[in-house]
Amino acid sequence: MIFDGTKTVELRRQAPKMAAGDQMIIYVSSPRMELAGSAKITGIQSDTPQKMWRKISQISGITKAEFDKYFEGATQAVAIEIEEAQKFLKPLALEDLKKKHGIQPPQSFRYVEHLALSRST
């Protein structure tokens, strides 16, 4: 949904150490399990889960039930605002991430200084 533009925020329980203008690499989990593309971060906002849902429900790509389950027990909801999502020409499979780059995708996010990947544009 990020690549077709219907999802323009990535939700997290904690704020990442990122800022507007940074690039975010997108890992697609099951069933594809690959680095699939990137997007530009345009902003990061934080609020209570209840207030955040009112702000992002139309652009989150998830249902209210999914949102509530993810933020259950949380006092903070973080929305990473993104644009300019681009698919890589050759996605990088999980096995290649492990073997060639020593990277094991975490549950939330990981900071990467440099990783040469091909984009679709």
PDB file of N, CA and C in Angstrom:
ATOM      1  N   MET A   1       0.817  -1.198   0.000  1.00  0.00           N
ATOM      2  CA  MET A   1       0.000   0.000   0.000  1.00  0.00           C
ATOM      3  C   MET A   1       0.864   1.267   0.000  1.00  0.00           C
ATOM      4  N   ILE A   2       2.085   1.155   0.532  1.00  0.00           N
ATOM      5  CA  ILE A   2       2.988   2.306   0.496  1.00  0.00           C
ATOM      6  C   ILE A   2       3.326   2.641  -0.954  1.00  0.00           C
ATOM      7  N   PHE A   3       3.598   1.608  -1.756  1.00  0.00           N
ATOM      8  CA  PHE A   3       4.030   1.852  -3.127  1.00  0.00           C
ATOM      9  C   PHE A   3       2.914   2.354  -4.036  1.00  0.00           C
ATOM     10  N   ASP A   4       1.662   2.061  -3.718  1.00  0.00           N
ATOM     11  CA  ASP A   4       0.575   2.601  -4.542  1.00  0.00           C
ATOM     12  C   ASP A   4       0.035   3.917  -3.985  1.00  0.00           C
ATOM     13  N   GLY A   5       0.610   4.397  -2.875  1.00  0.00           N
ATOM     14  CA  GLY A   5       0.255   5.706  -2.333  1.00  0.00           C
ATOM     15  C   GLY A   5      -0.948   5.732  -1.410  1.00  0.00           C
ATOM     16  N   THR A   6      -1.553   4.585  -1.116  1.00  0.00           N
ATOM     17  CA  THR A   6      -2.724   4.594  -0.232  1.00  0.00           C
ATOM     18  C   THR A   6      -2.333   4.604   1.244  1.00  0.00           C
ATOM     19  N   LYS A   7      -1.100   4.238   1.540  1.00  0.00           N
ATOM     20  CA  LYS A   7      -0.584   4.302   2.909  1.00  0.00           C
ATOM     21  C   LYS A   7       0.564   5.299   2.903  1.00  0.00           C
ATOM     22  N   THR A   8       0.400   6.403   3.636  1.00  0.00           N
ATOM     23  CA  THR A   8       1.431   7.437   3.634  1.00  0.00           C
ATOM     24  C   THR A   8       2.011   7.693   5.024  1.00  0.00           C
ATOM     25  N   VAL A   9       1.736   6.788   5.962  1.00  0.00           N
ATOM     26  CA  VAL A   9       2.363   6.836   7.279  1.00  0.00           C
ATOM     27  C   VAL A   9       2.755   5.429   7.696  1.00  0.00           C
ATOM     28  N   GLU A  10       3.844   5.348   8.421  1.00  0.00           N
ATOM     29  CA  GLU A  10       4.270   4.093   9.033  1.00  0.00           C
ATOM     30  C   GLU A  10       4.138   4.304  10.534  1.00  0.00           C
ATOM     31  N   LEU A  11       3.446   3.407  11.206  1.00  0.00           N
ATOM     32  CA  LEU A  11       3.154   3.568  12.622  1.00  0.00           C
ATOM     33  C   LEU A  11       4.153   2.822  13.493  1.00  0.00           C
ATOM     34  N   ARG A  12       4.504   3.428  14.611  1.00  0.00           N
ATOM     35  CA  ARG A  12       5.421   2.834  15.575  1.00  0.00           C
ATOM     36  C   ARG A  12       4.989   3.212  16.987  1.00  0.00           C
ATOM     37  N   ARG A  13       5.430   2.406  17.955  1.00  0.00           N
ATOM     38  CA  ARG A  13       5.149   2.673  19.360  1.00  0.00           C
ATOM     39  C   ARG A  13       6.189   3.621  19.959  1.00  0.00           C
ATOM     40  N   GLN A  14       7.347   3.723  19.331  1.00  0.00           N
ATOM     41  CA  GLN A  14       8.407   4.616  19.788  1.00  0.00           C
ATOM     42  C   GLN A  14       8.904   5.455  18.619  1.00  0.00           C
ATOM     43  N   ALA A  15       9.325   6.663  18.915  1.00  0.00           N
ATOM     44  CA  ALA A  15       9.842   7.545  17.871  1.00  0.00           C
ATOM     45  C   ALA A  15      11.227   7.083  17.426  1.00  0.00           C
ATOM     46  N   PRO A  16      11.450   6.990  16.120  1.00  0.00           N
ATOM     47  CA  PRO A  16      12.779   6.625  15.621  1.00  0.00           C
ATOM     48  C   PRO A  16      13.720   7.820  15.668  1.00  0.00           C
ATOM     49  N   LYS A  17      15.008   7.550  15.561  1.00  0.00           N
ATOM     50  CA  LYS A  17      16.013   8.614  15.514  1.00  0.00           C
ATOM     51  C   LYS A  17      16.191   9.016  14.055  1.00  0.00           C
ATOM     52  N   MET A  18      15.151   9.569  13.491  1.00  0.00           N
ATOM     53  CA  MET A  18      15.131   9.980  12.092  1.00  0.00           C
ATOM     54  C   MET A  18      14.466  11.347  12.015  1.00  0.00           C
ATOM     55  N   ALA A  19      14.608  11.990  10.872  1.00  0.00           N
ATOM     56  CA  ALA A  19      14.033  13.319  10.706  1.00  0.00           C
ATOM     57  C   ALA A  19      13.533  13.498   9.281  1.00  0.00           C
ATOM     58  N   ALA A  20      12.764  14.545   9.088  1.00  0.00           N
ATOM     59  CA  ALA A  20      12.292  14.881   7.749  1.00  0.00           C
ATOM     60  C   ALA A  20      13.490  14.991   6.811  1.00  0.00           C
ATOM     61  N   GLY A  21      13.354  14.403   5.629  1.00  0.00           N
ATOM     62  CA  GLY A  21      14.422  14.405   4.643  1.00  0.00           C
ATOM     63  C   GLY A  21      15.206  13.109   4.608  1.00  0.00           C
ATOM     64  N   ASP A  22      15.161  12.328   5.688  1.00  0.00           N
ATOM     65  CA  ASP A  22      15.849  11.029   5.706  1.00  0.00           C
ATOM     66  C   ASP A  22      15.120  10.043   4.793  1.00  0.00           C
ATOM     67  N   GLN A  23      15.858   9.045   4.325  1.00  0.00           N
ATOM     68  CA  GLN A  23      15.284   7.960   3.525  1.00  0.00           C
ATOM     69  C   GLN A  23      14.977   6.778   4.437  1.00  0.00           C
ATOM     70  N   MET A  24      13.875   6.133   4.180  1.00  0.00           N
ATOM     71  CA  MET A  24      13.481   4.944   4.915  1.00  0.00           C
ATOM     72  C   MET A  24      13.479   3.782   3.929  1.00  0.00           C
ATOM     73  N   ILE A  25      14.175   2.704   4.269  1.00  0.00           N
ATOM     74  CA  ILE A  25      14.169   1.505   3.438  1.00  0.00           C
ATOM     75  C   ILE A  25      13.007   0.639   3.893  1.00  0.00           C
ATOM     76  N   ILE A  26      12.263   0.104   2.935  1.00  0.00           N
ATOM     77  CA  ILE A  26      11.042  -0.638   3.247  1.00  0.00           C
ATOM     78  C   ILE A  26      11.274  -2.132   3.114  1.00  0.00           C
ATOM     79  N   TYR A  27      11.092  -2.830   4.227  1.00  0.00           N
ATOM     80  CA  TYR A  27      11.173  -4.283   4.257  1.00  0.00           C
ATOM     81  C   TYR A  27       9.750  -4.826   4.264  1.00  0.00           C
ATOM     82  N   VAL A  28       9.451  -5.703   3.322  1.00  0.00           N
ATOM     83  CA  VAL A  28       8.137  -6.336   3.245  1.00  0.00           C
ATOM     84  C   VAL A  28       8.255  -7.706   3.881  1.00  0.00           C
ATOM     85  N   SER A  29       7.460  -7.926   4.930  1.00  0.00           N
ATOM     86  CA  SER A  29       7.536  -9.209   5.627  1.00  0.00           C
ATOM     87  C   SER A  29       6.747 -10.274   4.871  1.00  0.00           C
ATOM     88  N   SER A  30       6.183 -11.167   5.565  1.00  0.00           N
ATOM     89  CA  SER A  30       5.486 -12.319   4.994  1.00  0.00           C
ATOM     90  C   SER A  30       4.461 -11.907   3.942  1.00  0.00           C
ATOM     91  N   PRO A  31       4.370 -12.562   2.830  1.00  0.00           N
ATOM     92  CA  PRO A  31       5.141 -13.746   2.464  1.00  0.00           C
ATOM     93  C   PRO A  31       6.421 -13.422   1.692  1.00  0.00           C
ATOM     94  N   ARG A  32       6.644 -12.157   1.301  1.00  0.00           N
ATOM     95  CA  ARG A  32       7.760 -11.833   0.410  1.00  0.00           C
ATOM     96  C   ARG A  32       9.118 -11.827   1.099  1.00  0.00           C
ATOM     97  N   MET A  33       9.219 -11.300   2.302  1.00  0.00           N
ATOM     98  CA  MET A  33      10.454 -11.246   3.079  1.00  0.00           C
ATOM     99  C   MET A  33      11.619 -10.676   2.264  1.00  0.00           C
ATOM    100  N   GLU A  34      11.524  -9.365   1.952  1.00  0.00           N
ATOM    101  CA  GLU A  34      12.552  -8.726   1.137  1.00  0.00           C
ATOM    102  C   GLU A  34      12.579  -7.223   1.364  1.00  0.00           C
ATOM    103  N   LEU A  35      13.740  -6.616   1.118  1.00  0.00           N
ATOM    104  CA  LEU A  35      13.820  -5.158   1.043  1.00  0.00           C
ATOM    105  C   LEU A  35      13.243  -4.809  -0.312  1.00  0.00           C
ATOM    106  N   ALA A  36      12.151  -4.077  -0.304  1.00  0.00           N
ATOM    107  CA  ALA A  36      11.400  -3.865  -1.536  1.00  0.00           C
ATOM    108  C   ALA A  36      11.531  -2.471  -2.122  1.00  0.00           C
ATOM    109  N   GLY A  37      11.936  -1.483  -1.308  1.00  0.00           N
ATOM    110  CA  GLY A  37      12.013  -0.128  -1.834  1.00  0.00           C
ATOM    111  C   GLY A  37      12.385   0.866  -0.759  1.00  0.00           C
ATOM    112  N   SER A  38      12.123   2.128  -1.049  1.00  0.00           N
ATOM    113  CA  SER A  38      12.438   3.184  -0.090  1.00  0.00           C
ATOM    114  C   SER A  38      11.409   4.295  -0.204  1.00  0.00           C
ATOM    115  N   ALA A  39      11.421   5.169   0.781  1.00  0.00           N
ATOM    116  CA  ALA A  39      10.530   6.327   0.786  1.00  0.00           C
ATOM    117  C   ALA A  39      11.223   7.458   1.537  1.00  0.00           C
ATOM    118  N   LYS A  40      10.815   8.668   1.248  1.00  0.00           N
ATOM    119  CA  LYS A  40      11.357   9.848   1.912  1.00  0.00           C
ATOM    120  C   LYS A  40      10.484  10.179   3.117  1.00  0.00           C
ATOM    121  N   ILE A  41      11.124  10.416   4.249  1.00  0.00           N
ATOM    122  CA  ILE A  41      10.395  10.822   5.450  1.00  0.00           C
ATOM    123  C   ILE A  41      10.135  12.319   5.366  1.00  0.00           C
ATOM    124  N   THR A  42       8.869  12.697   5.525  1.00  0.00           N
ATOM    125  CA  THR A  42       8.515  14.116   5.466  1.00  0.00           C
ATOM    126  C   THR A  42       8.206  14.700   6.839  1.00  0.00           C
ATOM    127  N   GLY A  43       8.011  13.841   7.821  1.00  0.00           N
ATOM    128  CA  GLY A  43       7.746  14.318   9.176  1.00  0.00           C
ATOM    129  C   GLY A  43       7.482  13.154  10.108  1.00  0.00           C
ATOM    130  N   ILE A  44       7.564  13.452  11.384  1.00  0.00           N
ATOM    131  CA  ILE A  44       7.270  12.451  12.411  1.00  0.00           C
ATOM    132  C   ILE A  44       6.416  13.135  13.464  1.00  0.00           C
ATOM    133  N   GLN A  45       5.260  12.544  13.743  1.00  0.00           N
ATOM    134  CA  GLN A  45       4.401  13.114  14.773  1.00  0.00           C
ATOM    135  C   GLN A  45       4.089  12.071  15.830  1.00  0.00           C
ATOM    136  N   SER A  46       3.864  12.557  17.045  1.00  0.00           N
ATOM    137  CA  SER A  46       3.587  11.686  18.176  1.00  0.00           C
ATOM    138  C   SER A  46       2.392  12.224  18.941  1.00  0.00           C
ATOM    139  N   ASP A  47       1.567  11.314  19.424  1.00  0.00           N
ATOM    140  CA  ASP A  47       0.389  11.706  20.193  1.00  0.00           C
ATOM    141  C   ASP A  47      -0.120  10.483  20.945  1.00  0.00           C
ATOM    142  N   THR A  48      -1.198  10.647  21.669  1.00  0.00           N
ATOM    143  CA  THR A  48      -1.808   9.481  22.295  1.00  0.00           C
ATOM    144  C   THR A  48      -2.392   8.613  21.180  1.00  0.00           C
ATOM    145  N   PRO A  49      -2.524   7.318  21.409  1.00  0.00           N
ATOM    146  CA  PRO A  49      -3.123   6.474  20.372  1.00  0.00           C
ATOM    147  C   PRO A  49      -4.505   6.954  19.925  1.00  0.00           C
ATOM    148  N   GLN A  50      -5.337   7.380  20.861  1.00  0.00           N
ATOM    149  CA  GLN A  50      -6.682   7.836  20.502  1.00  0.00           C
ATOM    150  C   GLN A  50      -6.648   9.050  19.567  1.00  0.00           C
ATOM    151  N   LYS A  51      -5.814  10.018  19.893  1.00  0.00           N
ATOM    152  CA  LYS A  51      -5.706  11.216  19.052  1.00  0.00           C
ATOM    153  C   LYS A  51      -5.041  10.886  17.724  1.00  0.00           C
ATOM    154  N   MET A  52      -4.041  10.008  17.752  1.00  0.00           N
ATOM    155  CA  MET A  52      -3.339   9.651  16.515  1.00  0.00           C
ATOM    156  C   MET A  52      -4.292   8.979  15.532  1.00  0.00           C
ATOM    157  N   TRP A  53      -5.148   8.077  16.002  1.00  0.00           N
ATOM    158  CA  TRP A  53      -6.073   7.405  15.102  1.00  0.00           C
ATOM    159  C   TRP A  53      -6.957   8.419  14.381  1.00  0.00           C
ATOM    160  N   ARG A  54      -7.415   9.429  15.091  1.00  0.00           N
ATOM    161  CA  ARG A  54      -8.250  10.467  14.450  1.00  0.00           C
ATOM    162  C   ARG A  54      -7.465  11.201  13.359  1.00  0.00           C
ATOM    163  N   LYS A  55      -6.172  11.373  13.551  1.00  0.00           N
ATOM    164  CA  LYS A  55      -5.345  12.093  12.579  1.00  0.00           C
ATOM    165  C   LYS A  55      -5.016  11.253  11.344  1.00  0.00           C
ATOM    166  N   ILE A  56      -4.777   9.955  11.522  1.00  0.00           N
ATOM    167  CA  ILE A  56      -4.191   9.157  10.435  1.00  0.00           C
ATOM    168  C   ILE A  56      -5.056   7.996   9.937  1.00  0.00           C
ATOM    169  N   SER A  57      -6.238   7.858  10.440  1.00  0.00           N
ATOM    170  CA  SER A  57      -7.041   6.675  10.096  1.00  0.00           C
ATOM    171  C   SER A  57      -7.225   6.494   8.591  1.00  0.00           C
ATOM    172  N   GLN A  58      -7.352   7.564   7.852  1.00  0.00           N
ATOM    173  CA  GLN A  58      -7.591   7.468   6.408  1.00  0.00           C
ATOM    174  C   GLN A  58      -6.335   7.169   5.601  1.00  0.00           C
ATOM    175  N   ILE A  59      -5.167   7.329   6.198  1.00  0.00           N
ATOM    176  CA  ILE A  59      -3.913   7.142   5.449  1.00  0.00           C
ATOM    177  C   ILE A  59      -3.018   6.068   6.057  1.00  0.00           C
ATOM    178  N   SER A  60      -3.543   5.325   7.046  1.00  0.00           N
ATOM    179  CA  SER A  60      -2.727   4.350   7.767  1.00  0.00           C
ATOM    180  C   SER A  60      -2.622   2.996   7.092  1.00  0.00           C
ATOM    181  N   GLY A  61      -3.624   2.637   6.295  1.00  0.00           N
ATOM    182  CA  GLY A  61      -3.617   1.338   5.637  1.00  0.00           C
ATOM    183  C   GLY A  61      -4.024   0.191   6.537  1.00  0.00           C
ATOM    184  N   ILE A  62      -4.513   0.498   7.739  1.00  0.00           N
ATOM    185  CA  ILE A  62      -4.958  -0.555   8.646  1.00  0.00           C
ATOM    186  C   ILE A  62      -6.339  -0.227   9.203  1.00  0.00           C
ATOM    187  N   THR A  63      -6.972  -1.235   9.773  1.00  0.00           N
ATOM    188  CA  THR A  63      -8.293  -1.043  10.378  1.00  0.00           C
ATOM    189  C   THR A  63      -8.132  -0.532  11.808  1.00  0.00           C
ATOM    190  N   LYS A  64      -9.217  -0.061  12.372  1.00  0.00           N
ATOM    191  CA  LYS A  64      -9.216   0.407  13.764  1.00  0.00           C
ATOM    192  C   LYS A  64      -8.860  -0.746  14.696  1.00  0.00           C
ATOM    193  N   ALA A  65      -9.375  -1.943  14.424  1.00  0.00           N
ATOM    194  CA  ALA A  65      -9.060  -3.105  15.264  1.00  0.00           C
ATOM    195  C   ALA A  65      -7.561  -3.421  15.226  1.00  0.00           C
ATOM    196  N   GLU A  66      -6.943  -3.363  14.049  1.00  0.00           N
ATOM    197  CA  GLU A  66      -5.503  -3.608  13.927  1.00  0.00           C
ATOM    198  C   GLU A  66      -4.710  -2.536  14.668  1.00  0.00           C
ATOM    199  N   PHE A  67      -5.148  -1.285  14.514  1.00  0.00           N
ATOM    200  CA  PHE A  67      -4.501  -0.166  15.198  1.00  0.00           C
ATOM    201  C   PHE A  67      -4.568  -0.371  16.709  1.00  0.00           C
ATOM    202  N   ASP A  68      -5.770  -0.668  17.230  1.00  0.00           N
ATOM    203  CA  ASP A  68      -5.953  -0.850  18.666  1.00  0.00           C
ATOM    204  C   ASP A  68      -5.116  -2.004  19.198  1.00  0.00           C
ATOM    205  N   LYS A  69      -5.030  -3.089  18.451  1.00  0.00           N
ATOM    206  CA  LYS A  69      -4.227  -4.232  18.881  1.00  0.00           C
ATOM    207  C   LYS A  69      -2.748  -3.860  18.954  1.00  0.00           C
ATOM    208  N   TYR A  70      -2.244  -3.164  17.936  1.00  0.00           N
ATOM    209  CA  TYR A  70      -0.835  -2.777  17.899  1.00  0.00           C
ATOM    210  C   TYR A  70      -0.491  -1.834  19.052  1.00  0.00           C
ATOM    211  N   PHE A  71      -1.381  -0.878  19.352  1.00  0.00           N
ATOM    212  CA  PHE A  71      -1.100   0.122  20.377  1.00  0.00           C
ATOM    213  C   PHE A  71      -1.677  -0.222  21.750  1.00  0.00           C
ATOM    214  N   GLU A  72      -2.144  -1.443  21.936  1.00  0.00           N
ATOM    215  CA  GLU A  72      -2.684  -1.857  23.230  1.00  0.00           C
ATOM    216  C   GLU A  72      -1.644  -1.647  24.326  1.00  0.00           C
ATOM    217  N   GLY A  73      -2.032  -0.924  25.358  1.00  0.00           N
ATOM    218  CA  GLY A  73      -1.147  -0.653  26.488  1.00  0.00           C
ATOM    219  C   GLY A  73      -0.165   0.485  26.266  1.00  0.00           C
ATOM    220  N   ALA A  74      -0.115   1.035  25.073  1.00  0.00           N
ATOM    221  CA  ALA A  74       0.828   2.118  24.772  1.00  0.00           C
ATOM    222  C   ALA A  74       0.252   3.471  25.181  1.00  0.00           C
ATOM    223  N   THR A  75       1.129   4.363  25.597  1.00  0.00           N
ATOM    224  CA  THR A  75       0.703   5.726  25.917  1.00  0.00           C
ATOM    225  C   THR A  75       1.030   6.677  24.774  1.00  0.00           C
ATOM    226  N   GLN A  76       1.817   6.201  23.818  1.00  0.00           N
ATOM    227  CA  GLN A  76       2.258   7.023  22.690  1.00  0.00           C
ATOM    228  C   GLN A  76       2.080   6.269  21.383  1.00  0.00           C
ATOM    229  N   ALA A  77       1.665   6.991  20.375  1.00  0.00           N
ATOM    230  CA  ALA A  77       1.609   6.464  19.014  1.00  0.00           C
ATOM    231  C   ALA A  77       2.412   7.416  18.132  1.00  0.00           C
ATOM    232  N   VAL A  78       3.271   6.858  17.289  1.00  0.00           N
ATOM    233  CA  VAL A  78       4.131   7.661  16.418  1.00  0.00           C
ATOM    234  C   VAL A  78       3.772   7.363  14.966  1.00  0.00           C
ATOM    235  N   ALA A  79       3.635   8.409  14.181  1.00  0.00           N
ATOM    236  CA  ALA A  79       3.373   8.273  12.751  1.00  0.00           C
ATOM    237  C   ALA A  79       4.551   8.865  11.984  1.00  0.00           C
ATOM    238  N   ILE A  80       5.205   8.028  11.191  1.00  0.00           N
ATOM    239  CA  ILE A  80       6.290   8.485  10.319  1.00  0.00           C
ATOM    240  C   ILE A  80       5.642   8.796   8.976  1.00  0.00           C
ATOM    241  N   GLU A  81       5.618  10.060   8.619  1.00  0.00           N
ATOM    242  CA  GLU A  81       4.982  10.493   7.379  1.00  0.00           C
ATOM    243  C   GLU A  81       5.957  10.300   6.222  1.00  0.00           C
ATOM    244  N   ILE A  82       5.460   9.700   5.133  1.00  0.00           N
ATOM    245  CA  ILE A  82       6.347   9.377   4.008  1.00  0.00           C
ATOM    246  C   ILE A  82       5.755   9.801   2.675  1.00  0.00           C
ATOM    247  N   GLU A  83       6.648   9.980   1.714  1.00  0.00           N
ATOM    248  CA  GLU A  83       6.251  10.277   0.333  1.00  0.00           C
ATOM    249  C   GLU A  83       7.349   9.760  -0.590  1.00  0.00           C
ATOM    250  N   GLU A  84       7.112   9.852  -1.881  1.00  0.00           N
ATOM    251  CA  GLU A  84       8.083   9.443  -2.896  1.00  0.00           C
ATOM    252  C   GLU A  84       8.538   7.997  -2.728  1.00  0.00           C
ATOM    253  N   ALA A  85       7.602   7.117  -2.425  1.00  0.00           N
ATOM    254  CA  ALA A  85       7.943   5.701  -2.296  1.00  0.00           C
ATOM    255  C   ALA A  85       8.309   5.139  -3.662  1.00  0.00           C
ATOM    256  N   GLN A  86       9.397   4.395  -3.694  1.00  0.00           N
ATOM    257  CA  GLN A  86       9.880   3.799  -4.938  1.00  0.00           C
ATOM    258  C   GLN A  86      10.237   2.345  -4.698  1.00  0.00           C
ATOM    259  N   LYS A  87       9.847   1.491  -5.623  1.00  0.00           N
ATOM    260  CA  LYS A  87      10.224   0.084  -5.554  1.00  0.00           C
ATOM    261  C   LYS A  87      11.627  -0.087  -6.119  1.00  0.00           C
ATOM    262  N   PHE A  88      12.376  -1.011  -5.545  1.00  0.00           N
ATOM    263  CA  PHE A  88      13.682  -1.355  -6.089  1.00  0.00           C
ATOM    264  C   PHE A  88      13.499  -2.188  -7.352  1.00  0.00           C
ATOM    265  N   LEU A  89      14.407  -2.033  -8.313  1.00  0.00           N
ATOM    266  CA  LEU A  89      14.385  -2.856  -9.512  1.00  0.00           C
ATOM    267  C   LEU A  89      14.546  -4.322  -9.154  1.00  0.00           C
ATOM    268  N   LYS A  90      15.463  -4.581  -8.224  1.00  0.00           N
ATOM    269  CA  LYS A  90      15.706  -5.944  -7.763  1.00  0.00           C
ATOM    270  C   LYS A  90      15.590  -5.957  -6.247  1.00  0.00           C
ATOM    271  N   PRO A  91      14.435  -6.369  -5.713  1.00  0.00           N
ATOM    272  CA  PRO A  91      14.317  -6.460  -4.259  1.00  0.00           C
ATOM    273  C   PRO A  91      15.389  -7.381  -3.697  1.00  0.00           C
ATOM    274  N   LEU A  92      15.779  -7.131  -2.471  1.00  0.00           N
ATOM    275  CA  LEU A  92      16.816  -7.921  -1.822  1.00  0.00           C
ATOM    276  C   LEU A  92      16.146  -8.886  -0.845  1.00  0.00           C
ATOM    277  N   ALA A  93      16.239 -10.183  -1.140  1.00  0.00           N
ATOM    278  CA  ALA A  93      15.582 -11.215  -0.345  1.00  0.00           C
ATOM    279  C   ALA A  93      16.219 -11.336   1.036  1.00  0.00           C
ATOM    280  N   LEU A  94      15.438 -11.816   1.985  1.00  0.00           N
ATOM    281  CA  LEU A  94      15.903 -11.991   3.350  1.00  0.00           C
ATOM    282  C   LEU A  94      17.180 -12.823   3.413  1.00  0.00           C
ATOM    283  N   GLU A  95      17.256 -13.898   2.654  1.00  0.00           N
ATOM    284  CA  GLU A  95      18.455 -14.747   2.664  1.00  0.00           C
ATOM    285  C   GLU A  95      19.688 -13.972   2.203  1.00  0.00           C
ATOM    286  N   ASP A  96      19.520 -13.101   1.191  1.00  0.00           N
ATOM    287  CA  ASP A  96      20.644 -12.290   0.731  1.00  0.00           C
ATOM    288  C   ASP A  96      21.037 -11.245   1.779  1.00  0.00           C
ATOM    289  N   LEU A  97      20.053 -10.696   2.472  1.00  0.00           N
ATOM    290  CA  LEU A  97      20.347  -9.741   3.535  1.00  0.00           C
ATOM    291  C   LEU A  97      21.231 -10.387   4.594  1.00  0.00           C
ATOM    292  N   LYS A  98      20.902 -11.609   4.942  1.00  0.00           N
ATOM    293  CA  LYS A  98      21.671 -12.334   5.964  1.00  0.00           C
ATOM    294  C   LYS A  98      23.057 -12.703   5.469  1.00  0.00           C
ATOM    295  N   LYS A  99      23.123 -13.339   4.296  1.00  0.00           N
ATOM    296  CA  LYS A  99      24.387 -13.860   3.775  1.00  0.00           C
ATOM    297  C   LYS A  99      25.350 -12.776   3.317  1.00  0.00           C
ATOM    298  N   LYS A 100      24.873 -11.851   2.488  1.00  0.00           N
ATOM    299  CA  LYS A 100      25.752 -10.861   1.874  1.00  0.00           C
ATOM    300  C   LYS A 100      26.002  -9.627   2.721  1.00  0.00           C
ATOM    301  N   HIS A 101      25.030  -9.273   3.570  1.00  0.00           N
ATOM    302  CA  HIS A 101      25.137  -8.013   4.305  1.00  0.00           C
ATOM    303  C   HIS A 101      25.118  -8.181   5.822  1.00  0.00           C
ATOM    304  N   GLY A 102      24.913  -9.416   6.301  1.00  0.00           N
ATOM    305  CA  GLY A 102      24.894  -9.657   7.738  1.00  0.00           C
ATOM    306  C   GLY A 102      23.752  -8.973   8.455  1.00  0.00           C
ATOM    307  N   ILE A 103      22.664  -8.727   7.742  1.00  0.00           N
ATOM    308  CA  ILE A 103      21.523  -8.009   8.321  1.00  0.00           C
ATOM    309  C   ILE A 103      20.374  -8.972   8.584  1.00  0.00           C
ATOM    310  N   GLN A 104      19.858  -8.928   9.796  1.00  0.00           N
ATOM    311  CA  GLN A 104      18.650  -9.659  10.164  1.00  0.00           C
ATOM    312  C   GLN A 104      17.597  -8.599  10.466  1.00  0.00           C
ATOM    313  N   PRO A 105      16.566  -8.472   9.637  1.00  0.00           N
ATOM    314  CA  PRO A 105      15.561  -7.429   9.890  1.00  0.00           C
ATOM    315  C   PRO A 105      14.944  -7.579  11.277  1.00  0.00           C
ATOM    316  N   PRO A 106      14.888  -6.482  12.024  1.00  0.00           N
ATOM    317  CA  PRO A 106      14.284  -6.513  13.352  1.00  0.00           C
ATOM    318  C   PRO A 106      12.765  -6.396  13.267  1.00  0.00           C
ATOM    319  N   GLN A 107      12.121  -6.436  14.403  1.00  0.00           N
ATOM    320  CA  GLN A 107      10.670  -6.300  14.443  1.00  0.00           C
ATOM    321  C   GLN A 107      10.216  -4.886  14.081  1.00  0.00           C
ATOM    322  N   SER A 108      11.010  -3.879  14.380  1.00  0.00           N
ATOM    323  CA  SER A 108      10.554  -2.519  14.138  1.00  0.00           C
ATOM    324  C   SER A 108      11.387  -1.808  13.084  1.00  0.00           C
ATOM    325  N   PHE A 109      12.587  -1.339  13.428  1.00  0.00           N
ATOM    326  CA  PHE A 109      13.422  -0.666  12.442  1.00  0.00           C
ATOM    327  C   PHE A 109      14.882  -0.811  12.802  1.00  0.00           C
ATOM    328  N   ARG A 110      15.713  -0.545  11.821  1.00  0.00           N
ATOM    329  CA  ARG A 110      17.159  -0.625  12.002  1.00  0.00           C
ATOM    330  C   ARG A 110      17.772   0.526  11.221  1.00  0.00           C
ATOM    331  N   TYR A 111      18.811   1.139  11.760  1.00  0.00           N
ATOM    332  CA  TYR A 111      19.481   2.244  11.096  1.00  0.00           C
ATOM    333  C   TYR A 111      20.584   1.697  10.207  1.00  0.00           C
ATOM    334  N   VAL A 112      20.611   2.142   8.960  1.00  0.00           N
ATOM    335  CA  VAL A 112      21.589   1.678   7.990  1.00  0.00           C
ATOM    336  C   VAL A 112      22.298   2.903   7.422  1.00  0.00           C
ATOM    337  N   GLU A 113      23.616   2.909   7.510  1.00  0.00           N
ATOM    338  CA  GLU A 113      24.388   4.034   6.980  1.00  0.00           C
ATOM    339  C   GLU A 113      24.414   4.030   5.460  1.00  0.00           C
ATOM    340  N   HIS A 114      24.697   2.862   4.864  1.00  0.00           N
ATOM    341  CA  HIS A 114      24.797   2.802   3.416  1.00  0.00           C
ATOM    342  C   HIS A 114      24.540   1.362   2.967  1.00  0.00           C
ATOM    343  N   LEU A 115      23.686   1.218   1.980  1.00  0.00           N
ATOM    344  CA  LEU A 115      23.422  -0.088   1.402  1.00  0.00           C
ATOM    345  C   LEU A 115      23.076   0.155  -0.065  1.00  0.00           C
ATOM    346  N   ALA A 116      23.913  -0.303  -0.966  1.00  0.00           N
ATOM    347  CA  ALA A 116      23.719  -0.064  -2.395  1.00  0.00           C
ATOM    348  C   ALA A 116      22.604  -0.958  -2.925  1.00  0.00           C
ATOM    349  N   LEU A 117      21.522  -0.348  -3.356  1.00  0.00           N
ATOM    350  CA  LEU A 117      20.374  -1.068  -3.907  1.00  0.00           C
ATOM    351  C   LEU A 117      19.886  -0.346  -5.140  1.00  0.00           C
ATOM    352  N   SER A 118      19.275  -1.075  -6.061  1.00  0.00           N
ATOM    353  CA  SER A 118      18.762  -0.491  -7.291  1.00  0.00           C
ATOM    354  C   SER A 118      17.313  -0.076  -7.127  1.00  0.00           C
ATOM    355  N   ARG A 119      16.992   1.125  -7.580  1.00  0.00           N
ATOM    356  CA  ARG A 119      15.627   1.618  -7.518  1.00  0.00           C
ATOM    357  C   ARG A 119      14.981   1.487  -8.883  1.00  0.00           C
ATOM    358  N   SER A 120      13.654   1.633  -8.900  1.00  0.00           N
ATOM    359  CA  SER A 120      12.920   1.495 -10.168  1.00  0.00           C
ATOM    360  C   SER A 120      13.023   2.739 -11.019  1.00  0.00           C
ATOM    361  N   THR A 121      13.470   3.860 -10.433  1.00  0.00           N
ATOM    362  CA  THR A 121      13.586   5.088 -11.217  1.00  0.00           C
ATOM    363  C   THR A 121      14.996   5.607 -11.210  1.00  0.00           C
TER     364      THR A 121
END
